[in-house]
Protein backbone atom coordinates (compact mmCIF):
# COMPACT_ATOMS: atom_id res chain seq x y z
CA UNK A 1 0.00 0.00 0.00
CA UNK A 2 1.16 3.52 -0.79
CA UNK A 3 -0.11 6.86 0.45
CA UNK A 4 0.80 9.91 -1.60
CA UNK A 5 0.54 13.31 0.07
CA UNK A 6 0.99 16.21 -2.33
CA UNK A 7 1.32 19.89 -1.52
CA UNK A 8 1.64 22.48 -4.25
CA UNK A 9 2.99 25.93 -3.52
CA UNK A 10 3.30 28.13 -6.63
CA UNK A 11 5.90 26.36 -8.84
CA UNK A 12 6.96 23.90 -6.14
CA UNK A 13 5.37 20.49 -5.68
CA UNK A 14 6.13 18.46 -2.59
CA UNK A 15 5.19 14.77 -2.63
CA UNK A 16 5.49 12.57 0.46
CA UNK A 17 5.48 8.81 -0.14
CA UNK A 18 4.27 6.60 2.70
CA UNK A 19 4.42 2.81 2.48
CA UNK A 20 5.61 0.70 -0.45
CA UNK A 21 6.31 1.84 -4.00
CA UNK A 22 6.06 -1.36 -6.02
CA UNK A 23 4.42 -2.87 -9.12
CA UNK A 24 0.96 -2.39 -7.62
CA UNK A 25 1.39 1.21 -6.46
CA UNK A 26 3.77 2.67 -9.08
CA UNK A 27 0.96 3.44 -11.60
CA UNK A 28 -0.81 5.42 -8.87
CA UNK A 29 2.27 7.62 -8.32
CA UNK A 30 2.81 7.94 -12.06
CA UNK A 31 -0.76 9.21 -12.54
CA UNK A 32 -0.46 11.60 -9.61
CA UNK A 33 2.79 13.07 -10.94
CA UNK A 34 1.61 13.29 -14.55
CA UNK A 35 -1.49 15.16 -13.39
CA UNK A 36 0.45 17.68 -11.28
CA UNK A 37 3.81 18.42 -12.94
CA UNK A 38 2.49 21.06 -15.33
CA UNK A 39 4.19 24.37 -14.51
CA UNK A 40 6.20 22.85 -11.65
CA UNK A 41 9.82 24.04 -11.46
CA UNK A 42 10.80 22.24 -8.26
CA UNK A 43 9.67 18.72 -7.41
CA UNK A 44 10.45 17.48 -3.90
CA UNK A 45 9.88 13.81 -3.17
CA UNK A 46 9.95 13.00 0.55
CA UNK A 47 10.78 9.35 1.23
CA UNK A 48 11.04 9.53 5.00
CA UNK A 49 8.17 7.03 5.39
CA UNK A 50 8.82 4.95 2.27
CA UNK A 51 9.54 1.36 3.31
CA UNK A 52 10.34 -0.18 -0.06
CA UNK A 53 10.86 0.69 -3.73
CA UNK A 54 10.81 -1.79 -6.63
CA UNK A 55 12.02 -1.47 -10.22
CA UNK A 56 8.53 -0.25 -11.17
CA UNK A 57 8.90 2.55 -8.62
CA UNK A 58 12.37 3.39 -9.93
CA UNK A 59 10.95 3.67 -13.45
CA UNK A 60 8.37 6.23 -12.27
CA UNK A 61 11.12 8.24 -10.52
CA UNK A 62 13.24 8.16 -13.67
CA UNK A 63 10.34 9.42 -15.80
CA UNK A 64 9.70 12.22 -13.29
CA UNK A 65 13.42 13.11 -13.31
CA UNK A 66 13.41 13.32 -17.12
CA UNK A 67 10.37 15.60 -17.07
CA UNK A 68 11.89 17.81 -14.37
CA UNK A 69 15.23 18.05 -16.23
CA UNK A 70 13.31 19.97 -18.89
CA UNK A 71 11.38 22.29 -16.59
CA UNK A 72 13.38 22.65 -13.38
CA UNK A 73 14.76 20.35 -10.72
CA UNK A 74 13.79 17.31 -8.70
CA UNK A 75 15.10 16.49 -5.23
CA UNK A 76 14.64 13.30 -3.25
CA UNK A 77 14.57 13.92 0.51
CA UNK A 78 14.92 11.87 3.71
CA UNK A 79 15.89 8.58 2.05
CA UNK A 80 16.20 5.74 4.56
CA UNK A 81 18.95 3.09 4.50
CA UNK A 82 16.86 0.41 2.79
CA UNK A 83 15.81 2.64 -0.10
CA UNK A 84 19.28 4.24 -0.34
CA UNK A 85 20.82 0.79 -0.75
CA UNK A 86 18.49 0.13 -3.69
CA UNK A 87 19.42 3.52 -5.20
CA UNK A 88 23.14 2.70 -4.84
CA UNK A 89 22.90 -0.81 -6.29
CA UNK A 90 20.87 0.40 -9.29
CA UNK A 91 22.99 3.52 -9.91
CA UNK A 92 20.04 5.80 -9.14
CA UNK A 93 22.14 7.54 -6.49
CA UNK A 94 24.12 9.01 -9.42
CA UNK A 95 21.03 10.05 -11.38
CA UNK A 96 18.90 11.57 -8.64
CA UNK A 97 19.61 14.59 -6.43
CA UNK A 98 19.35 13.08 -2.95
CA UNK A 99 19.41 15.33 0.11
PDB file of N, CA and C in Angstrom:
ATOM      1  N   UNK A   1       0.826  -1.190   0.000  1.00  0.00           N
ATOM      2  CA  UNK A   1       0.000   0.000   0.000  1.00  0.00           C
ATOM      3  C   UNK A   1       0.870   1.254   0.000  1.00  0.00           C
ATOM      4  N   UNK A   2       0.421   2.272  -0.714  1.00  0.00           N
ATOM      5  CA  UNK A   2       1.164   3.525  -0.791  1.00  0.00           C
ATOM      6  C   UNK A   2       0.214   4.692  -0.580  1.00  0.00           C
ATOM      7  N   UNK A   3       0.605   5.601   0.307  1.00  0.00           N
ATOM      8  CA  UNK A   3      -0.113   6.863   0.455  1.00  0.00           C
ATOM      9  C   UNK A   3       0.733   7.948  -0.184  1.00  0.00           C
ATOM     10  N   UNK A   4       0.099   8.807  -0.949  1.00  0.00           N
ATOM     11  CA  UNK A   4       0.795   9.911  -1.599  1.00  0.00           C
ATOM     12  C   UNK A   4       0.189  11.205  -1.075  1.00  0.00           C
ATOM     13  N   UNK A   5       1.017  12.019  -0.427  1.00  0.00           N
ATOM     14  CA  UNK A   5       0.536  13.309   0.072  1.00  0.00           C
ATOM     15  C   UNK A   5       1.219  14.411  -0.721  1.00  0.00           C
ATOM     16  N   UNK A   6       0.442  15.146  -1.491  1.00  0.00           N
ATOM     17  CA  UNK A   6       0.990  16.209  -2.333  1.00  0.00           C
ATOM     18  C   UNK A   6       0.615  17.583  -1.800  1.00  0.00           C
ATOM     19  N   UNK A   7       1.584  18.484  -1.854  1.00  0.00           N
ATOM     20  CA  UNK A   7       1.319  19.889  -1.518  1.00  0.00           C
ATOM     21  C   UNK A   7       1.934  20.732  -2.613  1.00  0.00           C
ATOM     22  N   UNK A   8       1.122  21.610  -3.199  1.00  0.00           N
ATOM     23  CA  UNK A   8       1.640  22.479  -4.253  1.00  0.00           C
ATOM     24  C   UNK A   8       1.675  23.912  -3.746  1.00  0.00           C
ATOM     25  N   UNK A   9       2.816  24.558  -3.956  1.00  0.00           N
ATOM     26  CA  UNK A   9       2.987  25.928  -3.522  1.00  0.00           C
ATOM     27  C   UNK A   9       3.636  26.682  -4.676  1.00  0.00           C
ATOM     28  N   UNK A  10       2.844  27.428  -5.425  1.00  0.00           N
ATOM     29  CA  UNK A  10       3.302  28.130  -6.634  1.00  0.00           C
ATOM     30  C   UNK A  10       3.942  27.115  -7.578  1.00  0.00           C
ATOM     31  N   UNK A  11       5.243  27.255  -7.880  1.00  0.00           N
ATOM     32  CA  UNK A  11       5.901  26.364  -8.841  1.00  0.00           C
ATOM     33  C   UNK A  11       6.634  25.216  -8.152  1.00  0.00           C
ATOM     34  N   UNK A  12       6.314  24.989  -6.878  1.00  0.00           N
ATOM     35  CA  UNK A  12       6.958  23.901  -6.141  1.00  0.00           C
ATOM     36  C   UNK A  12       5.924  22.850  -5.747  1.00  0.00           C
ATOM     37  N   UNK A  13       6.236  21.599  -6.064  1.00  0.00           N
ATOM     38  CA  UNK A  13       5.368  20.486  -5.685  1.00  0.00           C
ATOM     39  C   UNK A  13       6.128  19.578  -4.735  1.00  0.00           C
ATOM     40  N   UNK A  14       5.529  19.329  -3.587  1.00  0.00           N
ATOM     41  CA  UNK A  14       6.127  18.456  -2.588  1.00  0.00           C
ATOM     42  C   UNK A  14       5.272  17.195  -2.490  1.00  0.00           C
ATOM     43  N   UNK A  15       5.911  16.037  -2.649  1.00  0.00           N
ATOM     44  CA  UNK A  15       5.193  14.767  -2.626  1.00  0.00           C
ATOM     45  C   UNK A  15       5.817  13.870  -1.564  1.00  0.00           C
ATOM     46  N   UNK A  16       5.017  13.490  -0.574  1.00  0.00           N
ATOM     47  CA  UNK A  16       5.492  12.569   0.463  1.00  0.00           C
ATOM     48  C   UNK A  16       4.957  11.172   0.140  1.00  0.00           C
ATOM     49  N   UNK A  17       5.857  10.194   0.141  1.00  0.00           N
ATOM     50  CA  UNK A  17       5.480   8.809  -0.140  1.00  0.00           C
ATOM     51  C   UNK A  17       5.498   8.020   1.162  1.00  0.00           C
ATOM     52  N   UNK A  18       4.392   7.356   1.456  1.00  0.00           N
ATOM     53  CA  UNK A  18       4.273   6.604   2.704  1.00  0.00           C
ATOM     54  C   UNK A  18       3.872   5.171   2.372  1.00  0.00           C
ATOM     55  N   UNK A  19       4.730   4.209   2.729  1.00  0.00           N
ATOM     56  CA  UNK A  19       4.415   2.805   2.481  1.00  0.00           C
ATOM     57  C   UNK A  19       5.369   2.166   1.496  1.00  0.00           C
ATOM     58  N   UNK A  20       4.812   1.448   0.515  1.00  0.00           N
ATOM     59  CA  UNK A  20       5.611   0.697  -0.451  1.00  0.00           C
ATOM     60  C   UNK A  20       5.342   1.183  -1.870  1.00  0.00           C
ATOM     61  N   UNK A  21       6.426   1.454  -2.589  1.00  0.00           N
ATOM     62  CA  UNK A  21       6.309   1.840  -4.002  1.00  0.00           C
ATOM     63  C   UNK A  21       6.746   0.628  -4.815  1.00  0.00           C
ATOM     64  N   UNK A  22       5.753  -0.127  -5.317  1.00  0.00           N
ATOM     65  CA  UNK A  22       6.057  -1.365  -6.024  1.00  0.00           C
ATOM     66  C   UNK A  22       5.191  -1.478  -7.278  1.00  0.00           C
ATOM     67  N   UNK A  23       5.168  -2.648  -7.875  1.00  0.00           N
ATOM     68  CA  UNK A  23       4.423  -2.869  -9.120  1.00  0.00           C
ATOM     69  C   UNK A  23       2.957  -2.466  -8.988  1.00  0.00           C
ATOM     70  N   UNK A  24       2.376  -2.701  -7.825  1.00  0.00           N
ATOM     71  CA  UNK A  24       0.960  -2.392  -7.616  1.00  0.00           C
ATOM     72  C   UNK A  24       0.693  -0.905  -7.430  1.00  0.00           C
ATOM     73  N   UNK A  25       1.637  -0.194  -6.812  1.00  0.00           N
ATOM     74  CA  UNK A  25       1.385   1.210  -6.458  1.00  0.00           C
ATOM     75  C   UNK A  25       2.069   2.210  -7.387  1.00  0.00           C
ATOM     76  N   UNK A  26       3.046   1.759  -8.180  1.00  0.00           N
ATOM     77  CA  UNK A  26       3.771   2.669  -9.080  1.00  0.00           C
ATOM     78  C   UNK A  26       2.842   3.406 -10.062  1.00  0.00           C
ATOM     79  N   UNK A  27       1.862   2.719 -10.670  1.00  0.00           N
ATOM     80  CA  UNK A  27       0.965   3.438 -11.597  1.00  0.00           C
ATOM     81  C   UNK A  27       0.216   4.583 -10.915  1.00  0.00           C
ATOM     82  N   UNK A  28      -0.111   4.398  -9.639  1.00  0.00           N
ATOM     83  CA  UNK A  28      -0.809   5.424  -8.866  1.00  0.00           C
ATOM     84  C   UNK A  28       0.066   6.686  -8.747  1.00  0.00           C
ATOM     85  N   UNK A  29       1.353   6.489  -8.433  1.00  0.00           N
ATOM     86  CA  UNK A  29       2.273   7.624  -8.324  1.00  0.00           C
ATOM     87  C   UNK A  29       2.484   8.267  -9.686  1.00  0.00           C
ATOM     88  N   UNK A  30       2.612   7.432 -10.706  1.00  0.00           N
ATOM     89  CA  UNK A  30       2.812   7.937 -12.061  1.00  0.00           C
ATOM     90  C   UNK A  30       1.652   8.837 -12.480  1.00  0.00           C
ATOM     91  N   UNK A  31       0.426   8.404 -12.221  1.00  0.00           N
ATOM     92  CA  UNK A  31      -0.758   9.205 -12.542  1.00  0.00           C
ATOM     93  C   UNK A  31      -0.766  10.511 -11.758  1.00  0.00           C
ATOM     94  N   UNK A  32      -0.458  10.414 -10.466  1.00  0.00           N
ATOM     95  CA  UNK A  32      -0.462  11.603  -9.611  1.00  0.00           C
ATOM     96  C   UNK A  32       0.558  12.626 -10.102  1.00  0.00           C
ATOM     97  N   UNK A  33       1.756  12.156 -10.461  1.00  0.00           N
ATOM     98  CA  UNK A  33       2.792  13.071 -10.935  1.00  0.00           C
ATOM     99  C   UNK A  33       2.429  13.654 -12.295  1.00  0.00           C
ATOM    100  N   UNK A  34       1.981  12.809 -13.217  1.00  0.00           N
ATOM    101  CA  UNK A  34       1.614  13.294 -14.552  1.00  0.00           C
ATOM    102  C   UNK A  34       0.537  14.361 -14.480  1.00  0.00           C
ATOM    103  N   UNK A  35      -0.378  14.213 -13.528  1.00  0.00           N
ATOM    104  CA  UNK A  35      -1.486  15.161 -13.392  1.00  0.00           C
ATOM    105  C   UNK A  35      -1.039  16.473 -12.767  1.00  0.00           C
ATOM    106  N   UNK A  36       0.094  16.460 -12.033  1.00  0.00           N
ATOM    107  CA  UNK A  36       0.446  17.676 -11.280  1.00  0.00           C
ATOM    108  C   UNK A  36       1.747  18.368 -11.684  1.00  0.00           C
ATOM    109  N   UNK A  37       2.503  17.823 -12.639  1.00  0.00           N
ATOM    110  CA  UNK A  37       3.815  18.417 -12.942  1.00  0.00           C
ATOM    111  C   UNK A  37       3.760  19.628 -13.875  1.00  0.00           C
ATOM    112  N   UNK A  38       2.607  19.918 -14.424  1.00  0.00           N
ATOM    113  CA  UNK A  38       2.491  21.061 -15.328  1.00  0.00           C
ATOM    114  C   UNK A  38       2.836  22.361 -14.609  1.00  0.00           C
ATOM    115  N   UNK A  39       3.832  23.086 -15.101  1.00  0.00           N
ATOM    116  CA  UNK A  39       4.193  24.371 -14.514  1.00  0.00           C
ATOM    117  C   UNK A  39       5.027  24.261 -13.247  1.00  0.00           C
ATOM    118  N   UNK A  40       5.390  23.037 -12.859  1.00  0.00           N
ATOM    119  CA  UNK A  40       6.199  22.854 -11.651  1.00  0.00           C
ATOM    120  C   UNK A  40       7.677  23.015 -12.001  1.00  0.00           C
ATOM    121  N   UNK A  41       8.389  23.838 -11.227  1.00  0.00           N
ATOM    122  CA  UNK A  41       9.817  24.036 -11.460  1.00  0.00           C
ATOM    123  C   UNK A  41      10.664  23.274 -10.451  1.00  0.00           C
ATOM    124  N   UNK A  42      10.091  23.001  -9.274  1.00  0.00           N
ATOM    125  CA  UNK A  42      10.801  22.242  -8.256  1.00  0.00           C
ATOM    126  C   UNK A  42       9.901  21.120  -7.767  1.00  0.00           C
ATOM    127  N   UNK A  43      10.402  19.893  -7.908  1.00  0.00           N
ATOM    128  CA  UNK A  43       9.667  18.724  -7.413  1.00  0.00           C
ATOM    129  C   UNK A  43      10.456  18.131  -6.258  1.00  0.00           C
ATOM    130  N   UNK A  44       9.827  18.063  -5.085  1.00  0.00           N
ATOM    131  CA  UNK A  44      10.454  17.479  -3.901  1.00  0.00           C
ATOM    132  C   UNK A  44       9.732  16.180  -3.578  1.00  0.00           C
ATOM    133  N   UNK A  45      10.490  15.093  -3.515  1.00  0.00           N
ATOM    134  CA  UNK A  45       9.883  13.807  -3.168  1.00  0.00           C
ATOM    135  C   UNK A  45      10.440  13.370  -1.820  1.00  0.00           C
ATOM    136  N   UNK A  46       9.568  13.345  -0.823  1.00  0.00           N
ATOM    137  CA  UNK A  46       9.953  13.005   0.549  1.00  0.00           C
ATOM    138  C   UNK A  46       9.748  11.508   0.767  1.00  0.00           C
ATOM    139  N   UNK A  47      10.846  10.808   1.066  1.00  0.00           N
ATOM    140  CA  UNK A  47      10.779   9.349   1.225  1.00  0.00           C
ATOM    141  C   UNK A  47      10.999   8.914   2.668  1.00  0.00           C
ATOM    142  N   UNK A  48      10.802   9.834   3.587  1.00  0.00           N
ATOM    143  CA  UNK A  48      11.043   9.532   4.998  1.00  0.00           C
ATOM    144  C   UNK A  48      10.257   8.304   5.458  1.00  0.00           C
ATOM    145  N   UNK A  49       9.028   8.144   4.955  1.00  0.00           N
ATOM    146  CA  UNK A  49       8.175   7.031   5.390  1.00  0.00           C
ATOM    147  C   UNK A  49       7.964   5.990   4.295  1.00  0.00           C
ATOM    148  N   UNK A  50       8.894   5.968   3.318  1.00  0.00           N
ATOM    149  CA  UNK A  50       8.822   4.951   2.266  1.00  0.00           C
ATOM    150  C   UNK A  50       9.599   3.723   2.731  1.00  0.00           C
ATOM    151  N   UNK A  51       8.909   2.582   2.791  1.00  0.00           N
ATOM    152  CA  UNK A  51       9.538   1.362   3.308  1.00  0.00           C
ATOM    153  C   UNK A  51      10.275   0.580   2.241  1.00  0.00           C
ATOM    154  N   UNK A  52       9.814   0.695   0.988  1.00  0.00           N
ATOM    155  CA  UNK A  52      10.344  -0.176  -0.061  1.00  0.00           C
ATOM    156  C   UNK A  52      10.110   0.466  -1.416  1.00  0.00           C
ATOM    157  N   UNK A  53      11.052   0.246  -2.348  1.00  0.00           N
ATOM    158  CA  UNK A  53      10.855   0.691  -3.728  1.00  0.00           C
ATOM    159  C   UNK A  53      11.303  -0.427  -4.661  1.00  0.00           C
ATOM    160  N   UNK A  54      10.474  -0.735  -5.665  1.00  0.00           N
ATOM    161  CA  UNK A  54      10.809  -1.788  -6.627  1.00  0.00           C
ATOM    162  C   UNK A  54      11.259  -1.144  -7.934  1.00  0.00           C
ATOM    163  N   UNK A  55      11.599  -1.985  -8.918  1.00  0.00           N
ATOM    164  CA  UNK A  55      12.020  -1.467 -10.217  1.00  0.00           C
ATOM    165  C   UNK A  55      10.909  -0.650 -10.871  1.00  0.00           C
ATOM    166  N   UNK A  56       9.664  -1.021 -10.619  1.00  0.00           N
ATOM    167  CA  UNK A  56       8.531  -0.251 -11.168  1.00  0.00           C
ATOM    168  C   UNK A  56       8.521   1.156 -10.574  1.00  0.00           C
ATOM    169  N   UNK A  57       8.818   1.249  -9.277  1.00  0.00           N
ATOM    170  CA  UNK A  57       8.901   2.549  -8.618  1.00  0.00           C
ATOM    171  C   UNK A  57      10.063   3.371  -9.146  1.00  0.00           C
ATOM    172  N   UNK A  58      11.191   2.699  -9.384  1.00  0.00           N
ATOM    173  CA  UNK A  58      12.370   3.392  -9.930  1.00  0.00           C
ATOM    174  C   UNK A  58      12.055   3.973 -11.310  1.00  0.00           C
ATOM    175  N   UNK A  59      11.309   3.217 -12.104  1.00  0.00           N
ATOM    176  CA  UNK A  59      10.953   3.668 -13.453  1.00  0.00           C
ATOM    177  C   UNK A  59      10.128   4.958 -13.385  1.00  0.00           C
ATOM    178  N   UNK A  60       9.196   5.031 -12.433  1.00  0.00           N
ATOM    179  CA  UNK A  60       8.369   6.233 -12.266  1.00  0.00           C
ATOM    180  C   UNK A  60       9.245   7.424 -11.856  1.00  0.00           C
ATOM    181  N   UNK A  61      10.205   7.173 -10.947  1.00  0.00           N
ATOM    182  CA  UNK A  61      11.116   8.245 -10.525  1.00  0.00           C
ATOM    183  C   UNK A  61      11.958   8.737 -11.696  1.00  0.00           C
ATOM    184  N   UNK A  62      12.420   7.800 -12.522  1.00  0.00           N
ATOM    185  CA  UNK A  62      13.241   8.159 -13.673  1.00  0.00           C
ATOM    186  C   UNK A  62      12.449   9.018 -14.653  1.00  0.00           C
ATOM    187  N   UNK A  63      11.203   8.642 -14.896  1.00  0.00           N
ATOM    188  CA  UNK A  63      10.344   9.422 -15.799  1.00  0.00           C
ATOM    189  C   UNK A  63      10.126  10.828 -15.241  1.00  0.00           C
ATOM    190  N   UNK A  64       9.898  10.919 -13.924  1.00  0.00           N
ATOM    191  CA  UNK A  64       9.701  12.224 -13.290  1.00  0.00           C
ATOM    192  C   UNK A  64      10.975  13.061 -13.400  1.00  0.00           C
ATOM    193  N   UNK A  65      12.134  12.408 -13.208  1.00  0.00           N
ATOM    194  CA  UNK A  65      13.421  13.105 -13.312  1.00  0.00           C
ATOM    195  C   UNK A  65      13.606  13.668 -14.719  1.00  0.00           C
ATOM    196  N   UNK A  66      13.274  12.871 -15.727  1.00  0.00           N
ATOM    197  CA  UNK A  66      13.415  13.325 -17.121  1.00  0.00           C
ATOM    198  C   UNK A  66      12.524  14.523 -17.394  1.00  0.00           C
ATOM    199  N   UNK A  67      11.296  14.483 -16.900  1.00  0.00           N
ATOM    200  CA  UNK A  67      10.367  15.605 -17.065  1.00  0.00           C
ATOM    201  C   UNK A  67      10.928  16.845 -16.382  1.00  0.00           C
ATOM    202  N   UNK A  68      11.403  16.668 -15.140  1.00  0.00           N
ATOM    203  CA  UNK A  68      11.887  17.814 -14.375  1.00  0.00           C
ATOM    204  C   UNK A  68      13.201  18.369 -14.923  1.00  0.00           C
ATOM    205  N   UNK A  69      14.000  17.546 -15.592  1.00  0.00           N
ATOM    206  CA  UNK A  69      15.225  18.045 -16.228  1.00  0.00           C
ATOM    207  C   UNK A  69      14.889  19.125 -17.246  1.00  0.00           C
ATOM    208  N   UNK A  70      13.725  19.006 -17.869  1.00  0.00           N
ATOM    209  CA  UNK A  70      13.313  19.972 -18.895  1.00  0.00           C
ATOM    210  C   UNK A  70      12.728  21.244 -18.292  1.00  0.00           C
ATOM    211  N   UNK A  71      12.121  21.127 -17.096  1.00  0.00           N
ATOM    212  CA  UNK A  71      11.378  22.288 -16.590  1.00  0.00           C
ATOM    213  C   UNK A  71      11.849  22.780 -15.229  1.00  0.00           C
ATOM    214  N   UNK A  72      12.908  22.194 -14.684  1.00  0.00           N
ATOM    215  CA  UNK A  72      13.383  22.646 -13.380  1.00  0.00           C
ATOM    216  C   UNK A  72      14.241  21.605 -12.709  1.00  0.00           C
ATOM    217  N   UNK A  73      13.935  21.299 -11.455  1.00  0.00           N
ATOM    218  CA  UNK A  73      14.759  20.353 -10.717  1.00  0.00           C
ATOM    219  C   UNK A  73      13.898  19.432  -9.867  1.00  0.00           C
ATOM    220  N   UNK A  74      14.462  18.267  -9.559  1.00  0.00           N
ATOM    221  CA  UNK A  74      13.789  17.305  -8.696  1.00  0.00           C
ATOM    222  C   UNK A  74      14.768  16.908  -7.602  1.00  0.00           C
ATOM    223  N   UNK A  75      14.277  16.903  -6.365  1.00  0.00           N
ATOM    224  CA  UNK A  75      15.105  16.488  -5.233  1.00  0.00           C
ATOM    225  C   UNK A  75      14.399  15.384  -4.474  1.00  0.00           C
ATOM    226  N   UNK A  76      15.176  14.391  -4.053  1.00  0.00           N
ATOM    227  CA  UNK A  76      14.643  13.297  -3.253  1.00  0.00           C
ATOM    228  C   UNK A  76      15.146  13.508  -1.828  1.00  0.00           C
ATOM    229  N   UNK A  77      14.227  13.568  -0.866  1.00  0.00           N
ATOM    230  CA  UNK A  77      14.572  13.924   0.506  1.00  0.00           C
ATOM    231  C   UNK A  77      14.347  12.773   1.479  1.00  0.00           C
ATOM    232  N   UNK A  78      15.110  12.787   2.568  1.00  0.00           N
ATOM    233  CA  UNK A  78      14.924  11.872   3.709  1.00  0.00           C
ATOM    234  C   UNK A  78      14.884  10.396   3.298  1.00  0.00           C
ATOM    235  N   UNK A  79      15.851   9.970   2.500  1.00  0.00           N
ATOM    236  CA  UNK A  79      15.890   8.581   2.050  1.00  0.00           C
ATOM    237  C   UNK A  79      16.445   7.700   3.172  1.00  0.00           C
ATOM    238  N   UNK A  80      15.720   6.640   3.507  1.00  0.00           N
ATOM    239  CA  UNK A  80      16.203   5.738   4.560  1.00  0.00           C
ATOM    240  C   UNK A  80      17.244   4.755   4.009  1.00  0.00           C
ATOM    241  N   UNK A  81      17.857   3.981   4.896  1.00  0.00           N
ATOM    242  CA  UNK A  81      18.949   3.087   4.498  1.00  0.00           C
ATOM    243  C   UNK A  81      18.514   2.044   3.477  1.00  0.00           C
ATOM    244  N   UNK A  82      17.348   1.464   3.682  1.00  0.00           N
ATOM    245  CA  UNK A  82      16.862   0.408   2.786  1.00  0.00           C
ATOM    246  C   UNK A  82      16.712   0.921   1.363  1.00  0.00           C
ATOM    247  N   UNK A  83      16.049   2.066   1.221  1.00  0.00           N
ATOM    248  CA  UNK A  83      15.813   2.641  -0.103  1.00  0.00           C
ATOM    249  C   UNK A  83      17.128   3.146  -0.690  1.00  0.00           C
ATOM    250  N   UNK A  84      17.983   3.730   0.133  1.00  0.00           N
ATOM    251  CA  UNK A  84      19.275   4.240  -0.339  1.00  0.00           C
ATOM    252  C   UNK A  84      20.126   3.107  -0.913  1.00  0.00           C
ATOM    253  N   UNK A  85      20.064   1.956  -0.268  1.00  0.00           N
ATOM    254  CA  UNK A  85      20.816   0.793  -0.747  1.00  0.00           C
ATOM    255  C   UNK A  85      20.345   0.409  -2.151  1.00  0.00           C
ATOM    256  N   UNK A  86      19.040   0.443  -2.366  1.00  0.00           N
ATOM    257  CA  UNK A  86      18.486   0.133  -3.688  1.00  0.00           C
ATOM    258  C   UNK A  86      18.958   1.179  -4.699  1.00  0.00           C
ATOM    259  N   UNK A  87      18.946   2.458  -4.311  1.00  0.00           N
ATOM    260  CA  UNK A  87      19.424   3.524  -5.200  1.00  0.00           C
ATOM    261  C   UNK A  87      20.896   3.302  -5.576  1.00  0.00           C
ATOM    262  N   UNK A  88      21.703   2.888  -4.587  1.00  0.00           N
ATOM    263  CA  UNK A  88      23.135   2.705  -4.844  1.00  0.00           C
ATOM    264  C   UNK A  88      23.390   1.506  -5.751  1.00  0.00           C
ATOM    265  N   UNK A  89      22.716   0.407  -5.489  1.00  0.00           N
ATOM    266  CA  UNK A  89      22.899  -0.810  -6.286  1.00  0.00           C
ATOM    267  C   UNK A  89      22.469  -0.588  -7.738  1.00  0.00           C
ATOM    268  N   UNK A  90      21.405   0.189  -7.943  1.00  0.00           N
ATOM    269  CA  UNK A  90      20.868   0.400  -9.289  1.00  0.00           C
ATOM    270  C   UNK A  90      21.514   1.582 -10.007  1.00  0.00           C
ATOM    271  N   UNK A  91      22.370   2.348  -9.295  1.00  0.00           N
ATOM    272  CA  UNK A  91      22.993   3.522  -9.907  1.00  0.00           C
ATOM    273  C   UNK A  91      22.117   4.762  -9.856  1.00  0.00           C
ATOM    274  N   UNK A  92      20.946   4.649  -9.234  1.00  0.00           N
ATOM    275  CA  UNK A  92      20.044   5.802  -9.144  1.00  0.00           C
ATOM    276  C   UNK A  92      20.616   6.901  -8.250  1.00  0.00           C
ATOM    277  N   UNK A  93      21.533   6.524  -7.348  1.00  0.00           N
ATOM    278  CA  UNK A  93      22.140   7.542  -6.488  1.00  0.00           C
ATOM    279  C   UNK A  93      22.962   8.533  -7.323  1.00  0.00           C
ATOM    280  N   UNK A  94      23.376   8.109  -8.534  1.00  0.00           N
ATOM    281  CA  UNK A  94      24.123   9.011  -9.420  1.00  0.00           C
ATOM    282  C   UNK A  94      23.190   9.861 -10.275  1.00  0.00           C
ATOM    283  N   UNK A  95      21.976   9.376 -10.501  1.00  0.00           N
ATOM    284  CA  UNK A  95      21.026  10.050 -11.385  1.00  0.00           C
ATOM    285  C   UNK A  95      20.211  11.088 -10.622  1.00  0.00           C
ATOM    286  N   UNK A  96      19.803  10.723  -9.414  1.00  0.00           N
ATOM    287  CA  UNK A  96      18.904  11.575  -8.636  1.00  0.00           C
ATOM    288  C   UNK A  96      19.675  12.537  -7.737  1.00  0.00           C
ATOM    289  N   UNK A  97      19.064  13.668  -7.429  1.00  0.00           N
ATOM    290  CA  UNK A  97      19.608  14.589  -6.435  1.00  0.00           C
ATOM    291  C   UNK A  97      19.005  14.178  -5.096  1.00  0.00           C
ATOM    292  N   UNK A  98      19.846  13.605  -4.224  1.00  0.00           N
ATOM    293  CA  UNK A  98      19.352  13.085  -2.947  1.00  0.00           C
ATOM    294  C   UNK A  98      19.888  13.951  -1.817  1.00  0.00           C
ATOM    295  N   UNK A  99      18.985  14.454  -0.999  1.00  0.00           N
ATOM    296  CA  UNK A  99      19.412  15.326   0.106  1.00  0.00           C
ATOM    297  C   UNK A  99      18.947  14.765   1.430  1.00  0.00           C
TER     298      UNK A  99
END
